[in-house]
């Protein structure tokens, strides 16, 4: 008899606590294959297992394999329009793609970038509903991640994606403080500046590659 959702969750949790990350990942893969909406607790656990698995993996091909296994769990998940859920999901995605940058071969990078863009497009769709105001820190934080990834993958990153990040920061700056409290506005301002710097670095890096 197949294991239930609750059984798979508890199994993955115990395996993660025992540092058996490969087995925990397999249990979560079974869980996400059940055609369910992954809840907050499950998404938080997925984030923990992904981070633990990738961190514990060695360098090179071992790290790459860990990232690809994590993406097999993450990519089929139906995205939930909840702030905490979305933050955990995006954190796990960023962990995969940022670490893949250092271990994928040149011929793989275009494909990885396409997967990255497709995944983040879905995250952006949800983020626009979760954080309706364009200056909300949670929404801007996702553009920060994509701007960093654009810098990491500057050899294959497209200018359109960079402009999306740049425009998000400009629109947020135009709105100004809006309904944000002091802490939110401080965070939002930091994120706007970080996006601007990351994209500037990425564009400069692309120009240097052309001249090389």
N, C-alpha and C. Protein backbone atom coordinates (compact mmCIF):
# COMPACT_ATOMS: atom_id res chain seq x y z
N UNK A 1 0.85 -1.20 0.00
CA UNK A 1 0.00 0.00 0.00
C UNK A 1 0.88 1.25 0.00
N UNK A 2 0.62 2.20 -0.92
CA UNK A 2 1.45 3.41 -0.98
C UNK A 2 1.38 4.21 0.31
N UNK A 3 2.48 4.89 0.62
CA UNK A 3 2.51 5.72 1.82
C UNK A 3 1.67 6.97 1.62
N UNK A 4 1.04 7.42 2.70
CA UNK A 4 0.20 8.61 2.62
C UNK A 4 1.07 9.87 2.66
N UNK A 5 0.43 10.97 2.39
CA UNK A 5 1.10 12.27 2.44
C UNK A 5 1.72 12.50 3.82
N UNK A 6 0.95 12.24 4.87
CA UNK A 6 1.44 12.45 6.23
C UNK A 6 2.62 11.53 6.55
N UNK A 7 2.54 10.29 6.09
CA UNK A 7 3.63 9.33 6.34
C UNK A 7 4.90 9.75 5.61
N UNK A 8 4.76 10.21 4.39
CA UNK A 8 5.93 10.65 3.62
C UNK A 8 6.57 11.89 4.24
N UNK A 9 5.73 12.79 4.75
CA UNK A 9 6.24 14.00 5.40
C UNK A 9 7.05 13.64 6.64
N UNK A 10 6.47 12.80 7.49
CA UNK A 10 7.15 12.39 8.73
C UNK A 10 8.43 11.60 8.42
N UNK A 11 8.35 10.77 7.40
CA UNK A 11 9.52 9.99 6.98
C UNK A 11 10.65 10.91 6.54
N UNK A 12 10.32 11.88 5.69
CA UNK A 12 11.33 12.83 5.20
C UNK A 12 11.91 13.65 6.34
N UNK A 13 11.06 14.02 7.28
CA UNK A 13 11.50 14.82 8.43
C UNK A 13 12.52 14.04 9.26
N UNK A 14 12.21 12.79 9.55
CA UNK A 14 13.11 11.95 10.36
C UNK A 14 14.42 11.69 9.62
N UNK A 15 14.33 11.44 8.33
CA UNK A 15 15.54 11.19 7.54
C UNK A 15 16.42 12.43 7.48
N UNK A 16 15.80 13.59 7.38
CA UNK A 16 16.57 14.84 7.37
C UNK A 16 17.26 15.06 8.71
N UNK A 17 16.53 14.78 9.80
CA UNK A 17 17.11 14.91 11.14
C UNK A 17 18.28 13.96 11.34
N UNK A 18 18.21 12.80 10.66
CA UNK A 18 19.29 11.81 10.75
C UNK A 18 20.39 12.05 9.72
N UNK A 19 20.28 13.17 8.99
CA UNK A 19 21.25 13.56 7.96
C UNK A 19 21.33 12.56 6.81
N UNK A 20 20.21 11.88 6.56
CA UNK A 20 20.11 10.98 5.41
C UNK A 20 19.39 11.74 4.29
N UNK A 21 20.11 12.68 3.70
CA UNK A 21 19.49 13.64 2.81
C UNK A 21 19.01 13.04 1.49
N UNK A 22 19.73 12.06 0.96
CA UNK A 22 19.30 11.42 -0.29
C UNK A 22 17.95 10.74 -0.11
N UNK A 23 17.81 10.01 1.00
CA UNK A 23 16.55 9.31 1.27
C UNK A 23 15.43 10.29 1.57
N UNK A 24 15.76 11.38 2.27
CA UNK A 24 14.77 12.41 2.56
C UNK A 24 14.26 13.04 1.26
N UNK A 25 15.19 13.27 0.34
CA UNK A 25 14.83 13.85 -0.96
C UNK A 25 13.91 12.92 -1.74
N UNK A 26 14.18 11.63 -1.68
CA UNK A 26 13.34 10.65 -2.38
C UNK A 26 11.94 10.63 -1.80
N UNK A 27 11.83 10.71 -0.48
CA UNK A 27 10.52 10.73 0.17
C UNK A 27 9.73 11.97 -0.24
N UNK A 28 10.42 13.10 -0.33
CA UNK A 28 9.77 14.35 -0.73
C UNK A 28 9.38 14.32 -2.21
N UNK A 29 10.18 13.64 -3.01
CA UNK A 29 9.85 13.49 -4.43
C UNK A 29 8.55 12.70 -4.58
N UNK A 30 8.40 11.66 -3.76
CA UNK A 30 7.16 10.88 -3.76
C UNK A 30 5.99 11.74 -3.31
N UNK A 31 6.23 12.56 -2.29
CA UNK A 31 5.18 13.42 -1.75
C UNK A 31 4.69 14.41 -2.80
N UNK A 32 5.63 15.07 -3.48
CA UNK A 32 5.24 16.09 -4.47
C UNK A 32 4.64 15.47 -5.73
N UNK A 33 4.83 14.17 -5.91
CA UNK A 33 4.24 13.47 -7.07
C UNK A 33 2.79 13.08 -6.82
N UNK A 34 2.27 13.37 -5.63
CA UNK A 34 0.90 12.97 -5.28
C UNK A 34 -0.16 13.89 -5.87
N UNK A 35 0.24 14.89 -6.64
CA UNK A 35 -0.69 15.85 -7.24
C UNK A 35 -1.49 16.57 -6.16
N UNK A 36 -0.75 17.15 -5.22
CA UNK A 36 -1.35 17.88 -4.11
C UNK A 36 -0.82 19.32 -4.11
N UNK A 37 -1.46 20.17 -3.33
CA UNK A 37 -0.91 21.50 -3.09
C UNK A 37 -0.02 21.40 -1.86
N UNK A 38 1.25 21.57 -2.04
CA UNK A 38 2.21 21.46 -0.94
C UNK A 38 1.93 22.58 0.06
N UNK A 39 1.78 22.20 1.35
CA UNK A 39 1.45 23.21 2.36
C UNK A 39 2.71 23.87 2.93
N UNK A 40 2.53 24.81 3.84
CA UNK A 40 3.66 25.57 4.38
C UNK A 40 4.68 24.69 5.09
N UNK A 41 4.19 23.77 5.92
CA UNK A 41 5.10 22.90 6.67
C UNK A 41 5.91 22.03 5.72
N UNK A 42 5.26 21.50 4.70
CA UNK A 42 5.95 20.66 3.71
C UNK A 42 6.97 21.47 2.92
N UNK A 43 6.58 22.69 2.54
CA UNK A 43 7.51 23.53 1.77
C UNK A 43 8.71 23.94 2.60
N UNK A 44 8.48 24.20 3.88
CA UNK A 44 9.59 24.55 4.77
C UNK A 44 10.57 23.37 4.88
N UNK A 45 10.02 22.15 5.00
CA UNK A 45 10.87 20.96 5.07
C UNK A 45 11.63 20.76 3.76
N UNK A 46 10.95 20.94 2.64
CA UNK A 46 11.62 20.81 1.34
C UNK A 46 12.80 21.77 1.26
N UNK A 47 12.59 23.00 1.69
CA UNK A 47 13.66 24.00 1.69
C UNK A 47 14.85 23.53 2.54
N UNK A 48 14.56 23.01 3.72
CA UNK A 48 15.62 22.53 4.62
C UNK A 48 16.40 21.37 4.00
N UNK A 49 15.66 20.41 3.43
CA UNK A 49 16.30 19.23 2.85
C UNK A 49 17.15 19.62 1.63
N UNK A 50 16.61 20.49 0.79
CA UNK A 50 17.36 20.96 -0.39
C UNK A 50 18.66 21.62 0.04
N UNK A 51 18.56 22.53 1.01
CA UNK A 51 19.74 23.24 1.50
C UNK A 51 20.76 22.28 2.10
N UNK A 52 20.27 21.35 2.92
CA UNK A 52 21.16 20.39 3.59
C UNK A 52 21.84 19.48 2.59
N UNK A 53 21.07 19.00 1.61
CA UNK A 53 21.60 18.08 0.60
C UNK A 53 22.69 18.76 -0.24
N UNK A 54 22.41 19.97 -0.69
CA UNK A 54 23.37 20.68 -1.54
C UNK A 54 24.61 21.08 -0.75
N UNK A 55 24.41 21.54 0.47
CA UNK A 55 25.54 21.95 1.32
C UNK A 55 26.46 20.77 1.64
N UNK A 56 25.86 19.60 1.87
CA UNK A 56 26.65 18.43 2.26
C UNK A 56 27.33 17.74 1.08
N UNK A 57 26.89 18.07 -0.13
CA UNK A 57 27.47 17.43 -1.33
C UNK A 57 28.89 17.95 -1.56
N UNK A 58 29.70 17.11 -2.18
CA UNK A 58 31.06 17.52 -2.51
C UNK A 58 31.06 18.52 -3.67
N UNK A 59 32.21 18.72 -4.25
CA UNK A 59 32.32 19.69 -5.34
C UNK A 59 32.11 19.03 -6.70
N UNK A 60 32.03 19.83 -7.73
CA UNK A 60 31.96 19.32 -9.10
C UNK A 60 30.69 18.55 -9.39
N UNK A 61 30.85 17.36 -9.97
CA UNK A 61 29.70 16.58 -10.41
C UNK A 61 28.78 16.17 -9.26
N UNK A 62 29.35 15.96 -8.08
CA UNK A 62 28.51 15.57 -6.93
C UNK A 62 27.57 16.72 -6.55
N UNK A 63 28.10 17.93 -6.53
CA UNK A 63 27.28 19.11 -6.23
C UNK A 63 26.21 19.31 -7.32
N UNK A 64 26.63 19.13 -8.56
CA UNK A 64 25.70 19.29 -9.68
C UNK A 64 24.55 18.30 -9.59
N UNK A 65 24.88 17.05 -9.30
CA UNK A 65 23.85 16.01 -9.19
C UNK A 65 22.87 16.34 -8.06
N UNK A 66 23.39 16.86 -6.95
CA UNK A 66 22.53 17.23 -5.81
C UNK A 66 21.56 18.34 -6.22
N UNK A 67 22.04 19.31 -6.97
CA UNK A 67 21.19 20.41 -7.44
C UNK A 67 20.11 19.91 -8.39
N UNK A 68 20.49 19.04 -9.31
CA UNK A 68 19.51 18.51 -10.27
C UNK A 68 18.45 17.66 -9.57
N UNK A 69 18.87 16.90 -8.57
CA UNK A 69 17.90 16.09 -7.81
C UNK A 69 16.92 16.99 -7.06
N UNK A 70 17.44 18.09 -6.54
CA UNK A 70 16.58 19.04 -5.84
C UNK A 70 15.57 19.67 -6.80
N UNK A 71 16.03 20.00 -8.00
CA UNK A 71 15.13 20.59 -8.99
C UNK A 71 14.03 19.62 -9.43
N UNK A 72 14.34 18.33 -9.41
CA UNK A 72 13.33 17.32 -9.73
C UNK A 72 12.18 17.36 -8.72
N UNK A 73 12.50 17.74 -7.50
CA UNK A 73 11.47 17.88 -6.46
C UNK A 73 10.75 19.22 -6.61
N UNK A 74 11.50 20.28 -6.87
CA UNK A 74 10.94 21.64 -6.86
C UNK A 74 10.12 21.99 -8.10
N UNK A 75 10.62 21.65 -9.28
CA UNK A 75 10.00 22.15 -10.52
C UNK A 75 8.55 21.70 -10.73
N UNK A 76 8.16 20.47 -10.35
CA UNK A 76 6.76 20.07 -10.59
C UNK A 76 5.76 20.67 -9.58
N UNK A 77 6.25 21.29 -8.52
CA UNK A 77 5.36 21.77 -7.47
C UNK A 77 4.47 22.90 -7.97
N UNK A 78 3.19 22.81 -7.65
CA UNK A 78 2.25 23.89 -7.97
C UNK A 78 2.47 25.02 -6.98
N UNK A 79 2.74 26.20 -7.49
CA UNK A 79 3.11 27.32 -6.63
C UNK A 79 1.90 27.85 -5.86
N UNK A 80 2.11 28.05 -4.57
CA UNK A 80 1.07 28.53 -3.66
C UNK A 80 1.22 30.04 -3.46
N UNK A 81 0.11 30.74 -3.44
CA UNK A 81 0.15 32.20 -3.30
C UNK A 81 0.06 32.59 -1.82
N UNK A 82 1.13 32.28 -1.10
CA UNK A 82 1.25 32.59 0.32
C UNK A 82 2.66 33.12 0.57
N UNK A 83 2.81 34.23 1.31
CA UNK A 83 4.14 34.84 1.47
C UNK A 83 5.20 33.91 2.03
N UNK A 84 4.89 33.24 3.14
CA UNK A 84 5.88 32.35 3.77
C UNK A 84 6.24 31.19 2.85
N UNK A 85 5.21 30.61 2.24
CA UNK A 85 5.42 29.49 1.32
C UNK A 85 6.33 29.91 0.17
N UNK A 86 6.01 31.05 -0.42
CA UNK A 86 6.74 31.53 -1.60
C UNK A 86 8.20 31.85 -1.25
N UNK A 87 8.42 32.40 -0.07
CA UNK A 87 9.79 32.70 0.36
C UNK A 87 10.61 31.43 0.49
N UNK A 88 10.02 30.38 1.07
CA UNK A 88 10.72 29.10 1.20
C UNK A 88 11.00 28.47 -0.16
N UNK A 89 10.02 28.54 -1.05
CA UNK A 89 10.19 27.95 -2.38
C UNK A 89 11.28 28.67 -3.16
N UNK A 90 11.23 30.00 -3.14
CA UNK A 90 12.23 30.77 -3.89
C UNK A 90 13.62 30.59 -3.31
N UNK A 91 13.71 30.49 -1.98
CA UNK A 91 15.01 30.26 -1.34
C UNK A 91 15.63 28.94 -1.81
N UNK A 92 14.79 27.91 -1.91
CA UNK A 92 15.27 26.60 -2.37
C UNK A 92 15.69 26.66 -3.84
N UNK A 93 14.90 27.36 -4.66
CA UNK A 93 15.25 27.53 -6.08
C UNK A 93 16.59 28.24 -6.22
N UNK A 94 16.74 29.33 -5.48
CA UNK A 94 17.97 30.12 -5.56
C UNK A 94 19.17 29.28 -5.14
N UNK A 95 18.99 28.47 -4.10
CA UNK A 95 20.08 27.60 -3.63
C UNK A 95 20.53 26.67 -4.76
N UNK A 96 19.58 26.09 -5.47
CA UNK A 96 19.92 25.18 -6.58
C UNK A 96 20.67 25.89 -7.70
N UNK A 97 20.08 26.97 -8.18
CA UNK A 97 20.65 27.62 -9.36
C UNK A 97 21.94 28.37 -9.06
N UNK A 98 22.07 28.93 -7.87
CA UNK A 98 23.31 29.63 -7.54
C UNK A 98 24.47 28.65 -7.41
N UNK A 99 24.21 27.47 -6.84
CA UNK A 99 25.27 26.47 -6.69
C UNK A 99 25.58 25.78 -8.02
N UNK A 100 24.57 25.61 -8.86
CA UNK A 100 24.80 25.01 -10.18
C UNK A 100 25.76 25.85 -11.01
N UNK A 101 25.73 27.14 -10.81
CA UNK A 101 26.58 28.05 -11.59
C UNK A 101 28.04 27.65 -11.59
N UNK A 102 28.51 27.16 -10.44
CA UNK A 102 29.95 26.86 -10.31
C UNK A 102 30.33 25.46 -10.80
N UNK A 103 29.33 24.64 -11.13
CA UNK A 103 29.69 23.25 -11.48
C UNK A 103 29.12 22.74 -12.80
N UNK A 104 28.33 23.54 -13.51
CA UNK A 104 27.85 23.07 -14.81
C UNK A 104 28.86 23.42 -15.91
N UNK A 105 28.96 22.54 -16.87
CA UNK A 105 29.89 22.76 -17.98
C UNK A 105 29.33 23.81 -18.94
N UNK A 106 30.20 24.36 -19.76
CA UNK A 106 29.81 25.42 -20.69
C UNK A 106 28.61 25.04 -21.55
N UNK A 107 28.61 23.80 -22.03
CA UNK A 107 27.54 23.37 -22.94
C UNK A 107 26.20 23.18 -22.22
N UNK A 108 26.22 23.16 -20.90
CA UNK A 108 24.99 22.98 -20.11
C UNK A 108 24.37 24.30 -19.67
N UNK A 109 25.13 25.37 -19.76
CA UNK A 109 24.72 26.62 -19.12
C UNK A 109 23.47 27.25 -19.76
N UNK A 110 23.35 27.16 -21.07
CA UNK A 110 22.15 27.69 -21.73
C UNK A 110 20.89 27.00 -21.22
N UNK A 111 20.96 25.68 -21.11
CA UNK A 111 19.81 24.90 -20.65
C UNK A 111 19.47 25.25 -19.21
N UNK A 112 20.49 25.38 -18.37
CA UNK A 112 20.26 25.73 -16.96
C UNK A 112 19.61 27.11 -16.86
N UNK A 113 20.10 28.05 -17.66
CA UNK A 113 19.54 29.40 -17.64
C UNK A 113 18.07 29.40 -18.08
N UNK A 114 17.73 28.59 -19.07
CA UNK A 114 16.34 28.48 -19.52
C UNK A 114 15.45 27.92 -18.42
N UNK A 115 15.94 26.90 -17.72
CA UNK A 115 15.17 26.33 -16.61
C UNK A 115 15.00 27.35 -15.50
N UNK A 116 16.05 28.09 -15.24
CA UNK A 116 16.03 29.13 -14.21
C UNK A 116 14.97 30.18 -14.55
N UNK A 117 14.99 30.67 -15.78
CA UNK A 117 14.03 31.70 -16.20
C UNK A 117 12.59 31.20 -16.11
N UNK A 118 12.38 29.97 -16.54
CA UNK A 118 11.03 29.40 -16.51
C UNK A 118 10.53 29.29 -15.07
N UNK A 119 11.40 28.85 -14.18
CA UNK A 119 11.02 28.70 -12.77
C UNK A 119 10.70 30.06 -12.15
N UNK A 120 11.55 31.03 -12.42
CA UNK A 120 11.34 32.36 -11.82
C UNK A 120 10.14 33.09 -12.42
N UNK A 121 9.80 32.80 -13.66
CA UNK A 121 8.60 33.39 -14.26
C UNK A 121 7.36 32.99 -13.45
N UNK A 122 7.30 31.72 -13.06
CA UNK A 122 6.17 31.25 -12.25
C UNK A 122 6.18 31.89 -10.87
N UNK A 123 7.36 32.06 -10.30
CA UNK A 123 7.47 32.70 -8.99
C UNK A 123 6.99 34.15 -9.07
N UNK A 124 7.38 34.85 -10.13
CA UNK A 124 6.96 36.25 -10.30
C UNK A 124 5.45 36.37 -10.42
N UNK A 125 4.83 35.45 -11.15
CA UNK A 125 3.37 35.48 -11.30
C UNK A 125 2.69 35.42 -9.93
N UNK A 126 3.18 34.52 -9.09
CA UNK A 126 2.61 34.38 -7.74
C UNK A 126 2.94 35.59 -6.88
N UNK A 127 4.17 36.09 -6.99
CA UNK A 127 4.61 37.22 -6.16
C UNK A 127 3.77 38.46 -6.41
N UNK A 128 3.35 38.66 -7.65
CA UNK A 128 2.53 39.84 -7.98
C UNK A 128 1.17 39.78 -7.31
N UNK A 129 0.71 38.58 -7.01
CA UNK A 129 -0.57 38.43 -6.30
C UNK A 129 -0.39 38.48 -4.79
N UNK A 130 0.72 37.94 -4.33
CA UNK A 130 1.00 37.92 -2.89
C UNK A 130 1.32 39.32 -2.38
N UNK A 131 2.20 40.02 -3.10
CA UNK A 131 2.60 41.38 -2.73
C UNK A 131 2.16 42.31 -3.86
N UNK A 132 0.96 42.85 -3.75
CA UNK A 132 0.37 43.63 -4.84
C UNK A 132 1.10 44.94 -5.09
N UNK A 133 1.64 45.55 -4.03
CA UNK A 133 2.37 46.81 -4.20
C UNK A 133 3.79 46.53 -4.72
N UNK A 134 4.21 47.26 -5.71
CA UNK A 134 5.51 47.01 -6.36
C UNK A 134 6.71 47.34 -5.48
N UNK A 135 6.48 48.05 -4.38
CA UNK A 135 7.60 48.41 -3.50
C UNK A 135 7.69 47.51 -2.27
N UNK A 136 6.90 46.45 -2.21
CA UNK A 136 6.94 45.55 -1.05
C UNK A 136 8.28 44.79 -1.00
N UNK A 137 8.93 44.74 0.17
CA UNK A 137 10.24 44.06 0.27
C UNK A 137 10.22 42.61 -0.19
N UNK A 138 9.16 41.88 0.16
CA UNK A 138 9.08 40.47 -0.24
C UNK A 138 9.12 40.29 -1.74
N UNK A 139 8.44 41.17 -2.43
CA UNK A 139 8.41 41.13 -3.90
C UNK A 139 9.77 41.52 -4.48
N UNK A 140 10.35 42.57 -3.94
CA UNK A 140 11.65 43.03 -4.43
C UNK A 140 12.76 42.01 -4.17
N UNK A 141 12.64 41.27 -3.06
CA UNK A 141 13.66 40.27 -2.71
C UNK A 141 13.83 39.23 -3.81
N UNK A 142 12.73 38.90 -4.49
CA UNK A 142 12.81 37.92 -5.57
C UNK A 142 13.57 38.48 -6.77
N UNK A 143 13.37 39.77 -7.03
CA UNK A 143 14.14 40.42 -8.10
C UNK A 143 15.62 40.54 -7.74
N UNK A 144 15.90 40.68 -6.44
CA UNK A 144 17.29 40.68 -5.98
C UNK A 144 17.93 39.34 -6.35
N UNK A 145 17.23 38.25 -6.06
CA UNK A 145 17.76 36.92 -6.37
C UNK A 145 18.02 36.76 -7.86
N UNK A 146 17.05 37.18 -8.68
CA UNK A 146 17.23 37.02 -10.13
C UNK A 146 18.35 37.93 -10.64
N UNK A 147 18.50 39.10 -10.05
CA UNK A 147 19.60 39.99 -10.47
C UNK A 147 20.96 39.39 -10.12
N UNK A 148 21.03 38.71 -8.97
CA UNK A 148 22.28 38.02 -8.59
C UNK A 148 22.57 36.89 -9.57
N UNK A 149 21.53 36.12 -9.88
CA UNK A 149 21.70 35.00 -10.80
C UNK A 149 22.09 35.49 -12.20
N UNK A 150 21.58 36.65 -12.60
CA UNK A 150 21.97 37.24 -13.89
C UNK A 150 23.46 37.54 -13.90
N UNK A 151 23.96 37.97 -12.74
CA UNK A 151 25.39 38.27 -12.62
C UNK A 151 26.21 36.98 -12.65
N UNK A 152 25.71 35.95 -11.95
CA UNK A 152 26.43 34.66 -11.93
C UNK A 152 26.49 34.03 -13.33
N UNK A 153 25.37 34.14 -14.06
CA UNK A 153 25.25 33.50 -15.38
C UNK A 153 25.39 34.53 -16.50
N UNK A 154 26.21 35.54 -16.31
CA UNK A 154 26.25 36.65 -17.27
C UNK A 154 26.65 36.20 -18.68
N UNK A 155 27.33 35.05 -18.78
CA UNK A 155 27.71 34.56 -20.11
C UNK A 155 26.52 34.08 -20.93
N UNK A 156 25.44 33.68 -20.25
CA UNK A 156 24.25 33.18 -20.96
C UNK A 156 22.99 33.98 -20.64
N UNK A 157 23.05 34.83 -19.63
CA UNK A 157 21.88 35.63 -19.23
C UNK A 157 21.49 36.58 -20.36
N UNK A 158 20.18 36.75 -20.55
CA UNK A 158 19.70 37.64 -21.61
C UNK A 158 19.42 39.04 -21.06
N UNK A 159 19.57 40.00 -21.92
CA UNK A 159 19.40 41.41 -21.55
C UNK A 159 17.97 41.68 -21.08
N UNK A 160 16.99 40.99 -21.69
CA UNK A 160 15.59 41.19 -21.32
C UNK A 160 15.35 40.89 -19.84
N UNK A 161 15.95 39.81 -19.36
CA UNK A 161 15.79 39.44 -17.95
C UNK A 161 16.41 40.50 -17.04
N UNK A 162 17.57 40.98 -17.44
CA UNK A 162 18.22 42.04 -16.66
C UNK A 162 17.34 43.28 -16.59
N UNK A 163 16.71 43.62 -17.71
CA UNK A 163 15.85 44.80 -17.76
C UNK A 163 14.61 44.63 -16.88
N UNK A 164 14.10 43.41 -16.80
CA UNK A 164 12.95 43.13 -15.93
C UNK A 164 13.30 43.49 -14.48
N UNK A 165 14.48 43.08 -14.05
CA UNK A 165 14.93 43.38 -12.69
C UNK A 165 15.12 44.88 -12.51
N UNK A 166 15.73 45.49 -13.49
CA UNK A 166 16.02 46.93 -13.44
C UNK A 166 14.72 47.73 -13.35
N UNK A 167 13.74 47.34 -14.17
CA UNK A 167 12.45 48.04 -14.18
C UNK A 167 11.71 47.87 -12.86
N UNK A 168 11.83 46.69 -12.26
CA UNK A 168 11.17 46.45 -10.97
C UNK A 168 11.70 47.42 -9.91
N UNK A 169 13.01 47.62 -9.91
CA UNK A 169 13.62 48.55 -8.96
C UNK A 169 13.20 49.99 -9.24
N UNK A 170 13.14 50.36 -10.52
CA UNK A 170 12.74 51.72 -10.90
C UNK A 170 11.29 52.00 -10.51
N UNK A 171 10.41 51.04 -10.76
CA UNK A 171 9.00 51.21 -10.42
C UNK A 171 8.80 51.33 -8.91
N UNK A 172 9.55 50.54 -8.16
CA UNK A 172 9.47 50.60 -6.70
C UNK A 172 9.96 51.95 -6.19
N UNK A 173 11.03 52.44 -6.79
CA UNK A 173 11.58 53.74 -6.39
C UNK A 173 10.60 54.86 -6.70
N UNK A 174 9.91 54.76 -7.82
CA UNK A 174 8.93 55.77 -8.23
C UNK A 174 7.78 55.84 -7.22
N UNK A 175 7.34 54.68 -6.73
CA UNK A 175 6.26 54.64 -5.74
C UNK A 175 6.70 55.28 -4.43
N UNK A 176 7.98 55.07 -4.10
CA UNK A 176 8.51 55.63 -2.85
C UNK A 176 8.06 54.82 -1.65
N UNK A 177 7.85 55.50 -0.54
CA UNK A 177 7.50 54.82 0.70
C UNK A 177 6.12 54.18 0.65
N UNK A 178 5.14 54.89 0.08
CA UNK A 178 3.78 54.34 0.01
C UNK A 178 3.24 53.99 1.38
N UNK A 179 2.78 52.74 1.52
CA UNK A 179 2.17 52.29 2.78
C UNK A 179 3.18 51.55 3.67
N UNK A 180 4.44 51.55 3.31
CA UNK A 180 5.45 50.80 4.06
C UNK A 180 5.78 51.47 5.38
N UNK A 181 6.05 50.64 6.40
CA UNK A 181 6.54 51.20 7.66
C UNK A 181 8.05 51.42 7.55
N UNK A 182 8.66 51.93 8.62
CA UNK A 182 10.08 52.30 8.57
C UNK A 182 10.97 51.12 8.18
N UNK A 183 10.74 49.98 8.83
CA UNK A 183 11.58 48.80 8.57
C UNK A 183 11.40 48.28 7.15
N UNK A 184 10.14 48.23 6.71
CA UNK A 184 9.86 47.76 5.35
C UNK A 184 10.49 48.68 4.30
N UNK A 185 10.39 49.98 4.54
CA UNK A 185 10.94 50.94 3.58
C UNK A 185 12.47 50.86 3.53
N UNK A 186 13.08 50.63 4.70
CA UNK A 186 14.53 50.47 4.76
C UNK A 186 14.96 49.24 3.96
N UNK A 187 14.24 48.13 4.17
CA UNK A 187 14.54 46.89 3.42
C UNK A 187 14.34 47.09 1.92
N UNK A 188 13.22 47.73 1.57
CA UNK A 188 12.91 47.95 0.16
C UNK A 188 13.99 48.80 -0.51
N UNK A 189 14.45 49.83 0.19
CA UNK A 189 15.49 50.71 -0.37
C UNK A 189 16.79 49.96 -0.59
N UNK A 190 17.14 49.09 0.37
CA UNK A 190 18.35 48.28 0.23
C UNK A 190 18.23 47.34 -0.97
N UNK A 191 17.05 46.74 -1.13
CA UNK A 191 16.84 45.81 -2.25
C UNK A 191 16.92 46.54 -3.60
N UNK A 192 16.34 47.73 -3.66
CA UNK A 192 16.40 48.52 -4.91
C UNK A 192 17.85 48.80 -5.30
N UNK A 193 18.63 49.21 -4.31
CA UNK A 193 20.05 49.52 -4.57
C UNK A 193 20.83 48.28 -4.97
N UNK A 194 20.50 47.16 -4.32
CA UNK A 194 21.20 45.91 -4.63
C UNK A 194 20.89 45.44 -6.05
N UNK A 195 19.62 45.54 -6.43
CA UNK A 195 19.23 45.16 -7.80
C UNK A 195 19.99 46.00 -8.82
N UNK A 196 20.00 47.31 -8.58
CA UNK A 196 20.68 48.24 -9.49
C UNK A 196 22.16 47.88 -9.64
N UNK A 197 22.82 47.59 -8.51
CA UNK A 197 24.25 47.25 -8.54
C UNK A 197 24.49 45.92 -9.25
N UNK A 198 23.67 44.91 -8.92
CA UNK A 198 23.85 43.60 -9.55
C UNK A 198 23.70 43.66 -11.07
N UNK A 199 22.69 44.40 -11.53
CA UNK A 199 22.46 44.49 -12.97
C UNK A 199 23.57 45.30 -13.64
N UNK A 200 24.02 46.34 -12.98
CA UNK A 200 25.13 47.13 -13.51
C UNK A 200 26.39 46.26 -13.66
N UNK A 201 26.66 45.45 -12.63
CA UNK A 201 27.81 44.53 -12.68
C UNK A 201 27.66 43.51 -13.80
N UNK A 202 26.43 42.98 -13.94
CA UNK A 202 26.18 41.97 -14.98
C UNK A 202 26.36 42.55 -16.37
N UNK A 203 25.83 43.75 -16.58
CA UNK A 203 25.97 44.39 -17.90
C UNK A 203 27.43 44.71 -18.21
N UNK A 204 28.14 45.17 -17.20
CA UNK A 204 29.57 45.46 -17.38
C UNK A 204 30.34 44.18 -17.71
N UNK A 205 29.98 43.09 -17.01
CA UNK A 205 30.62 41.80 -17.24
C UNK A 205 30.37 41.29 -18.65
N UNK A 206 29.14 41.47 -19.14
CA UNK A 206 28.82 41.03 -20.51
C UNK A 206 29.63 41.81 -21.54
N UNK A 207 29.79 43.10 -21.29
CA UNK A 207 30.58 43.93 -22.21
C UNK A 207 32.04 43.46 -22.25
N UNK A 208 32.56 43.11 -21.07
CA UNK A 208 33.94 42.62 -21.01
C UNK A 208 34.10 41.30 -21.76
N UNK A 209 33.07 40.44 -21.66
CA UNK A 209 33.12 39.16 -22.39
C UNK A 209 33.15 39.39 -23.90
N UNK A 210 32.39 40.39 -24.35
CA UNK A 210 32.37 40.70 -25.79
C UNK A 210 33.73 41.18 -26.27
N UNK A 211 34.39 41.96 -25.42
CA UNK A 211 35.69 42.54 -25.79
C UNK A 211 36.84 41.55 -25.68
N UNK A 212 36.59 40.46 -24.94
CA UNK A 212 37.68 39.49 -24.69
C UNK A 212 38.06 38.74 -25.97
